[in-house]
């Protein structure tokens, strides 16, 4: 059963020794309550009516303020969150497990986990929070600082002149191919972000023809001369079986 303590910070008041002591206790209790309530919900100490302090309402957190410091040591069966200054002296959230393995959870004010510039296939029609469609759209990293980290990574590789109009990759209608700068697998020596037109690998077919000479028949392969062309077949492009999804990029 919850305990309830009636603390009235306003009354009774007086100048007797006992009343002055009660007033000091009330002031101290109110100060502790106000200090702890910054981070931890402490319930209400009430006003003139003395609504009291309810333990059932205590212990909930609206927010937790972490001061930056050094990494805490790991403890068995415990994980610890702490704040740490990054290179630009901004507080970032870190986690330390019982084996002292440390993971940085935030970067530049955003939840860390998926690196900026990651491209994923996505089934939605619009990009989720923290992502942009890879459709060649231009963004301004000056008026929208949340895009600045993406510009720092890709600059104007995919279009634009500077941070004010840099473009994300336009992957509309494209497949992605692993970069091969040496041309070991991809016959073109590629650079990051360039595109290739569709192509059909060069090849030959063996043709069998017959020629009648006198009363006999002679078979020949790849014989000289001209002949009728076959009727065209196929579509407007060469492609594998596929499904249309959106590509999105993390900013």
Protein backbone atom coordinates (compact mmCIF):
# COMPACT_ATOMS: atom_id res chain seq x y z
CA UNK A 1 0.00 0.00 0.00
CA UNK A 2 1.33 3.44 -0.89
CA UNK A 3 2.48 5.79 1.83
CA UNK A 4 1.22 9.37 1.78
CA UNK A 5 3.02 12.27 3.41
CA UNK A 6 1.21 15.56 3.91
CA UNK A 7 3.61 18.43 3.36
CA UNK A 8 2.19 21.93 3.23
CA UNK A 9 4.88 24.45 2.26
CA UNK A 10 2.67 27.42 3.18
CA UNK A 11 1.32 26.73 6.68
CA UNK A 12 1.35 26.56 9.59
CA UNK A 13 3.73 29.43 10.09
CA UNK A 14 4.86 31.04 13.30
CA UNK A 15 7.80 32.04 15.39
CA UNK A 16 7.80 29.25 17.94
CA UNK A 17 10.83 26.97 17.99
CA UNK A 18 8.78 23.95 16.86
CA UNK A 19 7.07 25.82 14.04
CA UNK A 20 10.36 27.25 12.78
CA UNK A 21 11.75 23.71 12.69
CA UNK A 22 8.74 22.51 10.75
CA UNK A 23 9.15 25.39 8.32
CA UNK A 24 12.81 24.49 7.74
CA UNK A 25 11.91 20.86 7.09
CA UNK A 26 9.18 21.92 4.67
CA UNK A 27 11.56 24.25 2.83
CA UNK A 28 14.20 21.55 2.59
CA UNK A 29 11.69 18.94 1.37
CA UNK A 30 10.36 21.35 -1.23
CA UNK A 31 13.89 22.14 -2.43
CA UNK A 32 14.80 18.46 -2.75
CA UNK A 33 11.54 17.79 -4.58
CA UNK A 34 12.07 20.62 -7.06
CA UNK A 35 15.67 19.56 -7.69
CA UNK A 36 14.88 15.90 -8.27
CA UNK A 37 11.77 16.66 -10.29
CA UNK A 38 13.98 18.15 -13.00
CA UNK A 39 14.88 14.61 -14.08
CA UNK A 40 12.63 12.30 -12.06
CA UNK A 41 8.89 12.58 -11.54
CA UNK A 42 8.39 12.96 -7.80
CA UNK A 43 4.65 13.48 -7.51
CA UNK A 44 3.11 16.58 -6.00
CA UNK A 45 3.76 18.11 -2.60
CA UNK A 46 0.63 20.21 -3.01
CA UNK A 47 -0.23 23.76 -2.13
CA UNK A 48 -2.39 25.27 0.50
CA UNK A 49 -4.59 22.19 0.69
CA UNK A 50 -1.66 19.88 1.32
CA UNK A 51 -2.44 17.24 -1.34
CA UNK A 52 0.52 15.21 -0.20
CA UNK A 53 3.22 13.06 -1.83
CA UNK A 54 2.16 9.77 -3.38
CA UNK A 55 4.83 7.07 -3.79
CA UNK A 56 2.73 5.37 -6.50
CA UNK A 57 3.29 8.40 -8.76
CA UNK A 58 7.02 8.61 -8.15
CA UNK A 59 9.88 7.13 -10.14
CA UNK A 60 8.72 7.95 -13.67
CA UNK A 61 11.13 9.91 -15.86
CA UNK A 62 10.13 12.69 -18.21
CA UNK A 63 13.75 13.25 -19.15
CA UNK A 64 17.22 12.42 -17.91
CA UNK A 65 20.06 14.93 -18.00
CA UNK A 66 23.51 13.39 -18.49
CA UNK A 67 26.68 15.35 -17.91
CA UNK A 68 29.58 14.51 -20.20
CA UNK A 69 32.41 12.53 -18.69
CA UNK A 70 34.66 9.53 -19.07
CA UNK A 71 33.36 6.07 -19.88
CA UNK A 72 32.15 4.15 -16.81
CA UNK A 73 33.57 0.72 -16.07
CA UNK A 74 31.51 -2.31 -17.01
CA UNK A 75 29.71 -4.31 -14.34
CA UNK A 76 28.31 -7.82 -14.55
CA UNK A 77 24.73 -7.93 -15.81
CA UNK A 78 24.58 -4.16 -16.22
CA UNK A 79 24.64 -1.73 -19.11
CA UNK A 80 25.38 1.96 -18.69
CA UNK A 81 24.40 5.04 -20.68
CA UNK A 82 26.58 8.11 -20.49
CA UNK A 83 27.25 11.33 -22.38
CA UNK A 84 30.61 12.01 -23.98
CA UNK A 85 31.99 15.03 -25.82
CA UNK A 86 32.77 14.38 -29.49
CA UNK A 87 35.55 16.05 -31.48
CA UNK A 88 33.52 19.26 -31.75
CA UNK A 89 32.74 19.25 -28.00
CA UNK A 90 29.11 18.28 -28.51
CA UNK A 91 27.57 15.76 -26.16
CA UNK A 92 26.76 12.39 -27.73
CA UNK A 93 25.08 9.39 -26.14
CA UNK A 94 27.17 6.24 -25.57
CA UNK A 95 26.45 2.78 -24.15
CA UNK A 96 28.91 0.56 -22.26
CA UNK A 97 28.15 -3.12 -21.64
CA UNK A 98 29.47 -5.35 -18.88
CA UNK A 99 32.58 -6.22 -20.91
CA UNK A 100 33.48 -2.52 -21.38
CA UNK A 101 32.43 -2.66 -25.03
CA UNK A 102 31.39 0.86 -25.96
CA UNK A 103 28.89 1.84 -28.66
CA UNK A 104 28.16 5.40 -29.77
CA UNK A 105 24.39 5.76 -30.09
CA UNK A 106 24.09 9.31 -31.48
CA UNK A 107 26.04 11.32 -34.03
CA UNK A 108 25.47 15.02 -34.76
CA UNK A 109 22.25 14.92 -32.77
CA UNK A 110 20.80 11.96 -34.66
CA UNK A 111 20.50 8.30 -33.66
CA UNK A 112 23.57 6.42 -34.81
CA UNK A 113 23.25 3.03 -36.43
CA UNK A 114 22.75 3.49 -40.17
CA UNK A 115 25.66 5.46 -41.68
CA UNK A 116 24.88 8.64 -43.60
CA UNK A 117 24.84 7.85 -47.32
CA UNK A 118 23.51 4.31 -46.96
CA UNK A 119 21.24 3.38 -49.89
CA UNK A 120 18.46 0.83 -49.34
CA UNK A 121 15.55 -0.50 -51.34
CA UNK A 122 12.24 0.61 -49.83
CA UNK A 123 8.65 -0.48 -50.48
CA UNK A 124 7.04 2.83 -49.51
CA UNK A 125 6.03 5.57 -51.94
CA UNK A 126 7.64 8.31 -49.84
CA UNK A 127 10.88 8.22 -47.88
CA UNK A 128 10.69 7.60 -44.10
CA UNK A 129 12.05 10.08 -41.54
CA UNK A 130 15.82 10.51 -41.87
CA UNK A 131 15.89 9.31 -45.49
CA UNK A 132 15.48 10.84 -48.97
CA UNK A 133 14.32 9.29 -52.22
CA UNK A 134 17.13 8.64 -54.69
CA UNK A 135 15.46 10.62 -57.45
CA UNK A 136 18.04 13.28 -58.30
CA UNK A 137 16.38 16.00 -56.22
CA UNK A 138 18.59 18.95 -55.19
CA UNK A 139 18.86 19.91 -51.51
CA UNK A 140 20.29 22.88 -49.65
CA UNK A 141 22.58 21.90 -46.79
CA UNK A 142 22.92 25.52 -45.67
CA UNK A 143 19.28 26.37 -45.12
CA UNK A 144 18.64 22.76 -43.99
CA UNK A 145 21.64 21.83 -41.82
CA UNK A 146 20.28 18.31 -41.34
CA UNK A 147 21.46 17.59 -44.90
CA UNK A 148 24.98 18.93 -44.33
CA UNK A 149 26.44 15.56 -43.30
CA UNK A 150 25.17 13.99 -46.52
CA UNK A 151 26.76 16.79 -48.56
CA UNK A 152 30.04 16.27 -46.69
CA UNK A 153 29.96 12.68 -47.93
CA UNK A 154 28.78 12.98 -51.55
CA UNK A 155 29.45 16.67 -52.33
CA UNK A 156 28.35 17.30 -55.94
CA UNK A 157 29.12 13.83 -57.28
CA UNK A 158 25.52 13.46 -58.42
CA UNK A 159 24.88 17.04 -59.51
CA UNK A 160 24.79 20.61 -58.28
CA UNK A 161 27.51 23.18 -57.78
CA UNK A 162 27.94 23.42 -53.99
CA UNK A 163 26.22 22.72 -50.67
CA UNK A 164 23.25 24.90 -51.57
CA UNK A 165 22.04 22.73 -54.45
CA UNK A 166 23.70 19.31 -54.15
CA UNK A 167 21.76 16.43 -55.66
CA UNK A 168 21.13 12.94 -54.36
CA UNK A 169 21.73 10.00 -56.73
CA UNK A 170 19.03 9.52 -59.36
CA UNK A 171 18.40 5.77 -59.31
CA UNK A 172 15.02 5.93 -60.99
CA UNK A 173 14.95 2.96 -63.40
CA UNK A 174 18.51 1.85 -62.55
CA UNK A 175 20.02 -1.28 -61.10
CA UNK A 176 23.04 -0.85 -58.80
CA UNK A 177 26.35 -2.47 -59.77
CA UNK A 178 29.38 -2.84 -57.52
CA UNK A 179 32.13 -0.34 -58.32
CA UNK A 180 35.08 -1.80 -60.27
CA UNK A 181 37.68 0.92 -60.75
CA UNK A 182 40.21 -1.51 -62.27
CA UNK A 183 37.89 -2.94 -64.91
CA UNK A 184 38.58 -6.48 -63.76
CA UNK A 185 34.93 -7.53 -63.98
CA UNK A 186 33.26 -4.45 -65.37
CA UNK A 187 34.91 -3.80 -68.74
CA UNK A 188 34.67 -0.04 -68.20
CA UNK A 189 37.04 1.49 -65.65
CA UNK A 190 34.37 3.10 -63.51
CA UNK A 191 34.27 6.00 -61.09
CA UNK A 192 31.88 6.30 -58.19
CA UNK A 193 28.47 7.48 -59.31
CA UNK A 194 28.85 7.17 -63.08
CA UNK A 195 26.25 5.33 -65.16
CA UNK A 196 26.30 2.82 -68.00
CA UNK A 197 23.87 2.60 -70.89
CA UNK A 198 22.22 -0.74 -71.57
CA UNK A 199 24.29 -3.16 -73.64
CA UNK A 200 24.19 -6.65 -75.10
CA UNK A 201 27.39 -8.67 -74.99
CA UNK A 202 28.95 -9.25 -78.41
CA UNK A 203 28.49 -12.82 -79.65
CA UNK A 204 28.08 -14.95 -82.80
CA UNK A 205 25.76 -17.70 -83.96
CA UNK A 206 26.56 -20.70 -86.15
CA UNK A 207 24.47 -20.76 -89.32
CA UNK A 208 23.94 -23.89 -91.41
CA UNK A 209 23.13 -23.38 -95.11
CA UNK A 210 22.82 -25.67 -98.10
CA UNK A 211 24.02 -25.16 -101.65
CA UNK A 212 22.91 -27.30 -104.59
CA UNK A 213 25.67 -28.08 -107.10
CA UNK A 214 24.81 -30.23 -110.08
CA UNK A 215 22.77 -33.05 -108.74
CA UNK A 216 24.26 -33.07 -105.22
CA UNK A 217 23.99 -31.11 -101.99
CA UNK A 218 26.88 -29.48 -100.11
CA UNK A 219 26.52 -28.43 -96.43
CA UNK A 220 28.52 -25.46 -95.26
CA UNK A 221 29.00 -23.49 -92.02
CA UNK A 222 29.25 -19.70 -91.97
CA UNK A 223 29.06 -19.62 -95.73
CA UNK A 224 29.57 -16.44 -97.65
CA UNK A 225 26.74 -14.57 -99.26
CA UNK A 226 23.56 -12.88 -98.15
CA UNK A 227 20.27 -14.21 -97.06
CA UNK A 228 16.91 -13.27 -95.58
CA UNK A 229 16.83 -11.76 -92.06
CA UNK A 230 14.74 -13.28 -89.32
CA UNK A 231 11.81 -11.32 -87.97
CA UNK A 232 12.64 -9.12 -84.92
CA UNK A 233 11.62 -10.41 -81.51
CA UNK A 234 11.89 -9.07 -77.95
CA UNK A 235 11.21 -5.71 -76.34
CA UNK A 236 12.85 -2.30 -76.23
CA UNK A 237 15.54 -3.28 -73.69
CA UNK A 238 17.44 -6.25 -72.31
CA UNK A 239 16.55 -6.86 -68.65
CA UNK A 240 16.20 -9.58 -66.02
CA UNK A 241 12.96 -10.31 -64.21
CA UNK A 242 12.53 -7.55 -61.63
CA UNK A 243 10.24 -5.68 -59.23
CA UNK A 244 9.95 -1.89 -58.96
CA UNK A 245 10.85 -0.42 -55.56
CA UNK A 246 12.17 2.94 -54.43
CA UNK A 247 15.80 3.50 -53.49
CA UNK A 248 16.32 5.76 -50.46
CA UNK A 249 19.46 7.37 -49.02
CA UNK A 250 20.21 8.15 -45.34
CA UNK A 251 20.98 11.76 -44.47
